[in-house]
Protein backbone atom coordinates (compact mmCIF):
# COMPACT_ATOMS: atom_id res chain seq x y z
CA GLN A 1 -8.26 17.58 3.93
CA ALA A 2 -5.41 15.31 2.95
CA GLN A 3 -3.52 14.24 -0.09
CA LEU A 4 -1.73 11.03 -0.96
CA MET A 5 0.85 11.07 -3.72
CA GLU A 6 2.04 7.71 -5.03
CA SER A 7 5.12 6.99 -7.10
CA GLY A 8 7.34 4.11 -8.15
CA GLY A 9 5.09 2.11 -10.44
CA GLY A 10 6.27 0.71 -13.75
CA SER A 11 6.95 -2.40 -15.77
CA VAL A 12 9.15 -5.25 -14.65
CA GLN A 13 9.80 -8.82 -15.66
CA VAL A 14 8.74 -11.84 -13.65
CA GLY A 15 10.90 -12.22 -10.57
CA GLY A 16 11.84 -8.56 -10.51
CA SER A 17 11.33 -5.94 -7.83
CA LEU A 18 9.71 -2.54 -7.47
CA ARG A 19 9.24 -0.14 -4.58
CA LEU A 20 6.17 2.02 -4.34
CA SER A 21 6.07 5.21 -2.29
CA CYS A 22 3.13 7.18 -0.97
CA THR A 23 3.70 10.58 0.59
CA ALA A 24 0.90 11.93 2.75
CA SER A 25 0.10 15.54 3.51
CA GLY A 26 -2.62 17.47 5.28
CA ASP A 27 -4.64 15.63 7.92
CA ILE A 28 -2.71 12.36 7.62
CA ALA A 29 -0.35 12.00 10.55
CA SER A 30 2.42 9.50 11.15
CA THR A 31 0.03 7.85 13.59
CA SER A 32 -2.70 7.39 10.97
CA PRO A 33 -3.46 3.93 9.63
CA MET A 34 -2.25 3.54 6.05
CA ALA A 35 -2.50 0.75 3.53
CA TRP A 36 -1.92 -0.47 0.01
CA PHE A 37 -4.70 -1.95 -2.12
CA ARG A 38 -4.65 -3.07 -5.74
CA GLN A 39 -7.08 -3.59 -8.55
CA ALA A 40 -6.36 -5.81 -11.52
CA PRO A 41 -8.24 -5.43 -14.83
CA GLY A 42 -11.76 -6.81 -14.52
CA LYS A 43 -11.41 -7.50 -10.81
CA GLY A 44 -12.39 -5.80 -7.60
CA ARG A 45 -10.08 -3.90 -5.32
CA GLU A 46 -8.16 -6.18 -3.00
CA PRO A 47 -5.99 -5.47 0.04
CA VAL A 48 -2.25 -5.85 -0.13
CA ALA A 49 -0.80 -4.64 3.17
CA ALA A 50 -1.45 -2.13 5.93
CA THR A 51 0.11 -0.55 8.99
CA GLU A 52 -1.64 0.85 12.04
CA ASN A 53 0.90 3.65 12.51
CA ASP A 54 4.62 4.37 12.17
CA ASP A 55 5.51 2.70 15.45
CA ILE A 56 8.37 0.32 14.86
CA ASP A 57 6.71 -2.16 17.20
CA SER A 58 3.41 -2.23 15.32
CA PHE A 59 2.75 -5.38 13.33
CA PRO A 60 1.76 -4.89 9.71
CA SER A 61 -1.13 -6.73 8.16
CA VAL A 62 -0.23 -8.46 4.90
CA ALA A 63 -2.48 -10.32 2.50
CA ASP A 64 -1.74 -14.01 2.05
CA SER A 65 -1.30 -13.54 -1.71
CA VAL A 66 1.81 -11.39 -1.19
CA LYS A 67 3.08 -12.61 2.15
CA GLY A 68 6.80 -13.32 2.05
CA ARG A 69 7.27 -11.27 -1.12
CA PHE A 70 5.97 -7.79 -0.26
CA THR A 71 7.02 -5.63 2.69
CA ILE A 72 5.21 -2.56 3.93
CA SER A 73 7.05 0.12 5.86
CA ARG A 74 6.75 3.75 6.90
CA ASP A 75 9.01 6.71 7.46
CA GLY A 76 7.28 8.88 10.04
CA ASP A 77 9.63 11.81 9.54
CA LYS A 78 8.82 11.92 5.83
CA ASN A 79 5.19 10.85 6.37
CA THR A 80 5.73 8.33 3.61
CA LEU A 81 4.46 4.79 3.18
CA TYR A 82 6.42 2.25 1.16
CA LEU A 83 5.70 -1.08 -0.46
CA GLN A 84 8.72 -3.15 -1.38
CA MET A 85 7.65 -5.76 -3.90
CA ASN A 86 9.98 -8.66 -4.62
CA THR A 87 9.68 -11.82 -6.69
CA LEU A 88 6.93 -10.24 -8.72
CA LYS A 89 4.49 -12.45 -10.62
CA PRO A 90 2.20 -11.70 -13.58
CA GLU A 91 -0.78 -11.88 -11.22
CA ASP A 92 0.64 -8.90 -9.34
CA THR A 93 -0.18 -6.73 -12.36
CA ALA A 94 -2.64 -4.11 -11.17
CA VAL A 95 -3.17 -0.49 -10.30
CA TYR A 96 -1.88 -0.02 -6.76
CA TYR A 97 -3.58 2.47 -4.49
CA CYS A 98 -2.37 4.05 -1.29
CA ALA A 99 -5.03 4.65 1.36
CA ALA A 100 -5.11 6.44 4.69
CA SER A 101 -7.58 6.97 7.47
CA THR A 102 -8.01 9.94 9.75
CA ARG A 103 -9.82 7.67 12.20
CA ARG A 104 -8.48 4.86 14.29
CA VAL A 105 -8.79 1.46 12.60
CA GLN A 106 -8.94 -1.71 14.67
CA TRP A 107 -6.06 -3.98 13.76
CA TRP A 108 -8.37 -6.74 12.52
CA ARG A 109 -9.90 -4.31 10.01
CA LEU A 110 -6.69 -2.81 8.61
CA LEU A 111 -7.20 -4.66 5.31
CA VAL A 112 -10.80 -3.49 4.89
CA ALA A 113 -11.08 -0.82 2.20
CA SER A 114 -14.11 0.89 3.73
CA GLU A 115 -12.04 1.86 6.79
CA TYR A 116 -10.03 4.35 4.72
CA ASN A 117 -11.31 7.78 3.83
CA TYR A 118 -8.43 9.04 1.70
CA TRP A 119 -7.08 7.44 -1.46
CA GLY A 120 -4.27 8.16 -3.86
CA GLN A 121 -4.70 8.31 -7.62
CA GLY A 122 -3.09 4.91 -8.14
CA VAL A 123 0.04 3.72 -9.93
CA GLN A 124 0.28 1.01 -12.55
CA VAL A 125 2.45 -2.04 -11.92
CA THR A 126 2.89 -4.41 -14.84
CA VAL A 127 4.72 -7.71 -14.54
CA SER A 128 5.54 -9.43 -17.81
CA THR A 129 6.98 -12.82 -18.73
């Protein structure tokens, strides 16, 4: 069993910044693949960013829609995943979900939701003009 606890959501104006955190416990190790997904009202869940593990040399996978604005990182000691979101846009408004896998995920599938078997409850991010 594992648990993912997200925090850091909220409301911000266009161009602002937020940092999301996701603390893992249980079967999720610092070597487990972890990711952020989001779901906007009336839309399907879409990938945001993912990391294969907490190795500083591992390359994160980042969706084109947020590339250059969002940064994913991990603190292995705290078993926590972060998402630093800068230059936020109204289209970034969504519920953001943290996900983790207890299985190895091939790097080319890190942004595929079905690869993850644990999910957080989600946090709301609202970007207003």
